[in-house]
Amino acid sequence: MWCAERAGMRVHGTLQARPREVFHEFEAAALLPVPDAYDVPIFRDVKVHRDFHVEVGKALYSVPGAYLGHQLQVRADRDLVKLYHRGRLVKTHPRQPAGGRSTDRDDLPEEKAGYALRDLTRLINTCAGHGSNIGIYAERLLDDPLPWTRMRAVYRLLGLVRRYGATPVDTACSRALDLDVVSVTKIASMLDKATEETLPLLPTGTTPAGRFARQPAEFTTRPASRGTTAQARTTPTAANEGTSPASEGTSPAGGPATTLTLLRDGRPVAVFHATDLTEEEA
């Protein structure tokens, strides 16, 4: 603010003009647009796992089968993920968000398909050894055109068995199969919250009662006694001091005066004086 409002508006000794006005008139139009923030790439070493994928930024990328078990060098920027083996580029993928996957079908060699499928069978049998529902759930997880790309999900399921035990995981898998939910993340959430044996609550479609609704019994009243009409007056002072039950006296006009006391739970709460009523109304 000081540069723009004060120093920028003072006449410069050399220019004999105000710097702010000179900038807007001659220099602002000659400036280039501000470039985007520099995209800092990620460099790291990764290992090709048995599912022919590497993990970069919590996403999976396929690698040709010839590099199974090898260490690769990764350069990942905002748009591309490039995989190198000893300085030579072997694979390029579009960058995926966390949890995403980029798989090329040609990366799995034909001669390795049998070994991959054999590993899948072994995984299913291992899961079935912990529980029948776990085995069925593993089969559902691997029900994919590229089943070897789903092996990590089955490994995670086995990790839940080691952490929580076979019985809770089998129960959670049974519940998930009943609801047709195939997701290891959902299984982990059920086990973490210990809700694997809880039936899901279905909406009833009923409207809840009003928050401040009163019970019907609160509106039941006793019939008013004869002589107490809407013309009766309430005397708060007498109610605060306490009043005896109904008594009779003499009104200023010389007629009979009737005093009625309203009791609640055995204690007076209001007093009514019928002194203004005529004899016919009384």
Protein backbone atom coordinates (compact mmCIF):
# COMPACT_ATOMS: atom_id res chain seq x y z
CA MET A 1 0.00 0.00 0.00
CA TRP A 2 2.83 2.39 0.77
CA CYS A 3 4.43 1.77 -2.66
CA ALA A 4 1.14 2.14 -4.50
CA GLU A 5 -0.52 4.97 -2.60
CA ARG A 6 2.35 7.13 -1.40
CA ALA A 7 5.68 6.45 -3.10
CA GLY A 8 4.02 5.53 -6.39
CA MET A 9 2.09 8.78 -6.52
CA ARG A 10 5.01 11.13 -5.76
CA VAL A 11 6.76 12.88 -8.64
CA HIS A 12 10.04 11.05 -9.29
CA GLY A 13 13.13 13.27 -9.48
CA THR A 14 14.54 11.57 -12.60
CA LEU A 15 11.34 10.73 -14.46
CA GLN A 16 9.57 13.92 -13.50
CA ALA A 17 6.42 11.82 -13.38
CA ARG A 18 4.52 9.58 -10.99
CA PRO A 19 5.90 5.98 -11.11
CA ARG A 20 2.47 4.38 -10.76
CA GLU A 21 1.07 6.30 -13.72
CA VAL A 22 4.12 5.51 -15.86
CA PHE A 23 3.81 1.80 -15.03
CA HIS A 24 0.14 1.56 -16.03
CA GLU A 25 0.64 3.65 -19.17
CA PHE A 26 3.81 2.08 -20.64
CA GLU A 27 5.02 -1.03 -18.75
CA ALA A 28 1.94 -3.03 -17.74
CA ALA A 29 0.99 -3.89 -21.33
CA ALA A 30 4.52 -5.17 -22.07
CA LEU A 31 4.55 -7.73 -19.22
CA LEU A 32 4.21 -11.43 -20.03
CA PRO A 33 1.47 -13.54 -18.29
CA VAL A 34 2.45 -15.22 -15.04
CA PRO A 35 3.49 -18.83 -15.79
CA ASP A 36 1.88 -21.80 -14.05
CA ALA A 37 3.49 -23.22 -10.94
CA TYR A 38 6.43 -25.45 -11.77
CA ASP A 39 5.47 -29.11 -11.82
CA VAL A 40 7.99 -30.79 -9.54
CA PRO A 41 8.33 -34.45 -10.65
CA ILE A 42 8.67 -37.40 -8.30
CA PHE A 43 11.75 -39.62 -8.57
CA ARG A 44 11.85 -42.95 -6.76
CA ASP A 45 12.70 -46.63 -7.09
CA VAL A 46 9.92 -49.23 -7.17
CA LYS A 47 9.74 -53.00 -7.37
CA VAL A 48 7.60 -54.92 -9.86
CA HIS A 49 5.32 -57.16 -7.81
CA ARG A 50 3.85 -60.54 -8.69
CA ASP A 51 0.75 -58.89 -10.16
CA PHE A 52 2.99 -57.14 -12.74
CA HIS A 53 2.26 -53.72 -11.26
CA VAL A 54 4.22 -51.06 -9.43
CA GLU A 55 2.83 -48.57 -6.94
CA VAL A 56 3.44 -44.84 -7.46
CA GLY A 57 1.58 -42.23 -5.42
CA LYS A 58 -0.90 -44.85 -4.10
CA ALA A 59 -1.87 -45.82 -7.66
CA LEU A 60 -0.97 -48.97 -9.64
CA TYR A 61 0.71 -49.12 -13.04
CA SER A 62 1.39 -52.25 -15.11
CA VAL A 63 4.87 -53.25 -16.27
CA PRO A 64 5.89 -55.74 -18.99
CA GLY A 65 6.26 -59.23 -17.57
CA ALA A 66 9.95 -59.41 -18.44
CA TYR A 67 10.66 -57.06 -15.53
CA LEU A 68 8.85 -59.10 -12.89
CA GLY A 69 10.75 -58.78 -9.61
CA HIS A 70 13.12 -56.08 -10.93
CA GLN A 71 13.75 -52.62 -9.49
CA LEU A 72 12.62 -49.78 -11.76
CA GLN A 73 13.19 -46.04 -11.60
CA VAL A 74 10.13 -43.80 -11.76
CA ARG A 75 9.68 -40.25 -12.94
CA ALA A 76 6.13 -39.07 -12.24
CA ASP A 77 4.82 -35.57 -12.95
CA ARG A 78 1.34 -34.10 -13.19
CA ASP A 79 0.51 -35.84 -16.47
CA LEU A 80 2.73 -38.90 -17.00
CA VAL A 81 4.41 -41.73 -15.13
CA LYS A 82 7.56 -43.00 -16.83
CA LEU A 83 9.26 -46.22 -15.78
CA TYR A 84 12.96 -46.82 -16.50
CA HIS A 85 15.18 -49.86 -16.16
CA ARG A 86 18.86 -48.98 -15.94
CA GLY A 87 18.26 -45.68 -17.70
CA ARG A 88 16.11 -47.12 -20.50
CA LEU A 89 12.42 -46.18 -20.78
CA VAL A 90 10.29 -49.35 -20.58
CA LYS A 91 6.75 -48.05 -19.93
CA THR A 92 4.73 -44.83 -19.89
CA HIS A 93 1.32 -44.39 -18.26
CA PRO A 94 -1.04 -41.44 -17.80
CA ARG A 95 -0.95 -40.25 -14.19
CA GLN A 96 -3.72 -41.72 -12.06
CA PRO A 97 -5.22 -40.34 -8.84
CA ALA A 98 -4.67 -42.12 -5.54
CA GLY A 99 -6.47 -45.47 -5.61
CA GLY A 100 -6.51 -45.55 -9.43
CA ARG A 101 -5.05 -48.14 -11.77
CA SER A 102 -3.59 -48.11 -15.28
CA THR A 103 -3.20 -51.59 -16.78
CA ASP A 104 -2.04 -52.60 -20.25
CA ARG A 105 -3.26 -56.10 -21.22
CA ASP A 106 -0.15 -56.67 -23.31
CA ASP A 107 2.10 -56.38 -20.23
CA LEU A 108 1.27 -59.92 -19.09
CA PRO A 109 3.24 -62.41 -21.18
CA GLU A 110 1.33 -65.40 -22.50
CA GLU A 111 3.87 -67.83 -21.03
CA LYS A 112 3.33 -66.30 -17.58
CA ALA A 113 -0.46 -66.49 -17.62
CA GLY A 114 -0.47 -70.06 -16.33
CA TYR A 115 1.71 -69.15 -13.36
CA ALA A 116 -0.50 -66.17 -12.58
CA LEU A 117 -3.65 -68.27 -12.67
CA ARG A 118 -1.99 -70.92 -10.52
CA ASP A 119 -1.20 -68.22 -7.93
CA LEU A 120 -4.85 -67.17 -8.00
CA THR A 121 -6.00 -70.70 -7.26
CA ARG A 122 -3.56 -70.93 -4.39
CA LEU A 123 -4.86 -67.61 -2.99
CA ILE A 124 -8.48 -68.79 -3.15
CA ASN A 125 -7.61 -72.06 -1.40
CA THR A 126 -5.72 -70.16 1.30
CA CYS A 127 -8.71 -67.90 1.91
CA ALA A 128 -11.11 -70.84 1.95
CA GLY A 129 -8.94 -72.47 4.61
CA HIS A 130 -9.86 -69.62 6.98
CA GLY A 131 -13.59 -69.80 6.25
CA SER A 132 -16.00 -70.74 3.48
CA ASN A 133 -17.34 -67.20 3.16
CA ILE A 134 -13.80 -65.80 2.95
CA GLY A 135 -13.06 -68.22 0.09
CA ILE A 136 -16.23 -67.20 -1.77
CA TYR A 137 -15.43 -63.54 -1.20
CA ALA A 138 -11.92 -64.05 -2.63
CA GLU A 139 -13.45 -65.62 -5.73
CA ARG A 140 -15.72 -62.59 -6.12
CA LEU A 141 -12.76 -60.27 -5.77
CA LEU A 142 -10.84 -62.14 -8.49
CA ASP A 143 -13.84 -62.28 -10.83
CA ASP A 144 -12.28 -59.89 -13.35
CA PRO A 145 -10.99 -60.11 -16.95
CA LEU A 146 -7.54 -59.48 -15.47
CA PRO A 147 -7.78 -61.39 -12.18
CA TRP A 148 -4.08 -61.10 -11.38
CA THR A 149 -4.59 -57.33 -11.08
CA ARG A 150 -6.90 -58.00 -8.09
CA MET A 151 -4.41 -60.05 -6.12
CA ARG A 152 -3.56 -57.14 -3.83
CA ALA A 153 -7.17 -56.98 -2.62
CA VAL A 154 -7.01 -60.67 -1.67
CA TYR A 155 -3.71 -60.11 0.14
CA ARG A 156 -5.39 -57.32 2.09
CA LEU A 157 -8.27 -59.64 2.97
CA LEU A 158 -5.76 -62.15 4.35
CA GLY A 159 -4.18 -59.32 6.32
CA LEU A 160 -7.56 -58.67 7.97
CA VAL A 161 -7.68 -62.34 8.95
CA ARG A 162 -4.32 -62.03 10.67
CA ARG A 163 -5.40 -58.85 12.44
CA TYR A 164 -8.95 -59.66 13.57
CA GLY A 165 -9.10 -63.45 13.36
CA ALA A 166 -10.86 -65.79 10.95
CA THR A 167 -14.30 -65.85 12.60
CA PRO A 168 -15.07 -62.09 12.51
CA VAL A 169 -13.78 -61.81 8.94
CA ASP A 170 -15.86 -64.79 7.83
CA THR A 171 -18.96 -63.22 9.42
CA ALA A 172 -18.25 -59.88 7.74
CA CYS A 173 -17.78 -61.58 4.37
CA SER A 174 -21.09 -63.41 4.80
CA ARG A 175 -22.85 -60.13 5.58
CA ALA A 176 -21.23 -58.42 2.58
CA LEU A 177 -22.19 -61.28 0.26
CA ASP A 178 -25.81 -61.05 1.42
CA LEU A 179 -25.80 -57.36 0.51
CA ASP A 180 -23.83 -58.00 -2.74
CA VAL A 181 -21.01 -55.67 -1.68
CA VAL A 182 -17.58 -56.68 -2.98
CA SER A 183 -15.10 -54.32 -1.39
CA VAL A 184 -12.31 -55.12 1.07
CA THR A 185 -12.52 -51.52 2.30
CA LYS A 186 -16.12 -52.17 3.43
CA ILE A 187 -15.02 -55.36 5.18
CA ALA A 188 -12.26 -53.46 6.99
CA SER A 189 -14.74 -50.76 8.03
CA MET A 190 -17.17 -53.35 9.44
CA LEU A 191 -14.40 -55.03 11.43
CA ASP A 192 -13.02 -51.73 12.71
CA LYS A 193 -16.48 -50.70 13.98
CA ALA A 194 -17.35 -54.24 15.14
CA THR A 195 -20.58 -54.18 13.11
CA GLU A 196 -20.09 -57.43 11.21
CA GLU A 197 -22.91 -59.09 13.21
CA THR A 198 -25.26 -56.12 13.12
CA LEU A 199 -28.14 -56.17 10.66
CA PRO A 200 -28.43 -52.98 8.60
CA LEU A 201 -31.32 -50.72 9.57
CA LEU A 202 -33.75 -50.21 6.71
CA PRO A 203 -35.79 -47.00 6.47
CA THR A 204 -39.31 -47.39 7.87
CA GLY A 205 -40.87 -44.52 5.96
CA THR A 206 -42.68 -43.20 9.06
CA THR A 207 -42.58 -39.61 10.14
CA PRO A 208 -41.13 -39.09 13.62
CA ALA A 209 -43.28 -37.45 16.25
CA GLY A 210 -42.94 -33.73 16.80
CA ARG A 211 -40.23 -32.71 19.20
CA PHE A 212 -42.57 -30.61 21.34
CA ALA A 213 -45.75 -32.68 20.84
CA ARG A 214 -47.82 -33.09 23.99
CA GLN A 215 -49.49 -36.25 25.18
CA PRO A 216 -53.30 -36.46 24.77
CA ALA A 217 -53.69 -36.94 28.54
CA GLU A 218 -52.40 -33.40 29.10
CA PHE A 219 -55.50 -31.99 27.42
CA THR A 220 -58.04 -33.81 29.65
CA THR A 221 -59.71 -31.48 32.17
CA ARG A 222 -62.42 -31.83 34.75
CA PRO A 223 -65.75 -30.09 34.14
CA ALA A 224 -65.84 -26.65 35.72
CA SER A 225 -68.13 -26.32 38.72
CA ARG A 226 -71.25 -24.25 38.50
CA GLY A 227 -70.62 -20.60 39.20
CA THR A 228 -67.13 -20.38 37.71
CA THR A 229 -67.51 -18.59 34.39
CA ALA A 230 -65.18 -16.76 32.07
CA GLN A 231 -66.10 -13.54 33.90
CA ALA A 232 -64.29 -14.72 37.08
CA ARG A 233 -61.17 -12.74 37.93
CA THR A 234 -57.80 -14.19 38.99
CA THR A 235 -55.93 -12.67 41.91
CA PRO A 236 -52.19 -13.61 41.68
CA THR A 237 -51.41 -12.10 45.04
CA ALA A 238 -53.85 -14.30 46.82
CA ALA A 239 -52.54 -17.32 44.97
CA ASN A 240 -49.00 -16.60 46.06
CA GLU A 241 -49.97 -16.12 49.69
CA GLY A 242 -52.05 -19.28 49.82
CA THR A 243 -55.83 -19.48 50.01
CA SER A 244 -58.14 -21.78 51.79
CA PRO A 245 -60.74 -23.79 49.86
CA ALA A 246 -63.91 -22.13 48.58
CA SER A 247 -65.51 -19.81 51.13
CA GLU A 248 -68.48 -17.50 51.16
CA GLY A 249 -68.62 -13.93 52.34
CA THR A 250 -70.45 -10.70 51.66
CA SER A 251 -69.84 -8.58 48.58
CA PRO A 252 -69.67 -4.78 48.74
CA ALA A 253 -73.13 -4.68 47.13
CA GLY A 254 -74.49 -6.62 50.04
CA GLY A 255 -75.05 -9.89 48.15
CA PRO A 256 -73.40 -13.23 48.76
CA ALA A 257 -69.77 -13.46 47.54
CA THR A 258 -68.23 -16.74 46.44
CA THR A 259 -64.47 -17.44 46.36
CA LEU A 260 -63.20 -20.45 44.41
CA THR A 261 -59.63 -21.74 44.78
CA LEU A 262 -58.01 -23.77 41.96
CA LEU A 263 -55.90 -26.62 43.40
CA ARG A 264 -53.20 -28.61 41.61
CA ASP A 265 -51.45 -31.49 43.38
CA GLY A 266 -53.05 -30.35 46.64
CA ARG A 267 -51.68 -26.78 46.43
CA PRO A 268 -53.61 -23.65 45.41
CA VAL A 269 -52.53 -22.03 42.17
CA ALA A 270 -55.30 -19.44 41.52
CA VAL A 271 -58.27 -17.83 43.28
CA PHE A 272 -61.50 -16.77 41.55
CA HIS A 273 -63.91 -14.20 43.07
CA ALA A 274 -67.46 -14.23 41.79
CA THR A 275 -68.41 -10.91 43.41
CA ASP A 276 -69.53 -9.29 40.17
CA LEU A 277 -72.07 -11.98 39.29
CA THR A 278 -75.73 -11.41 39.70
CA GLU A 279 -77.85 -13.80 41.67
CA GLU A 280 -79.22 -15.32 38.48
CA GLU A 281 -75.64 -15.96 37.17
CA ALA A 282 -74.50 -17.34 40.53
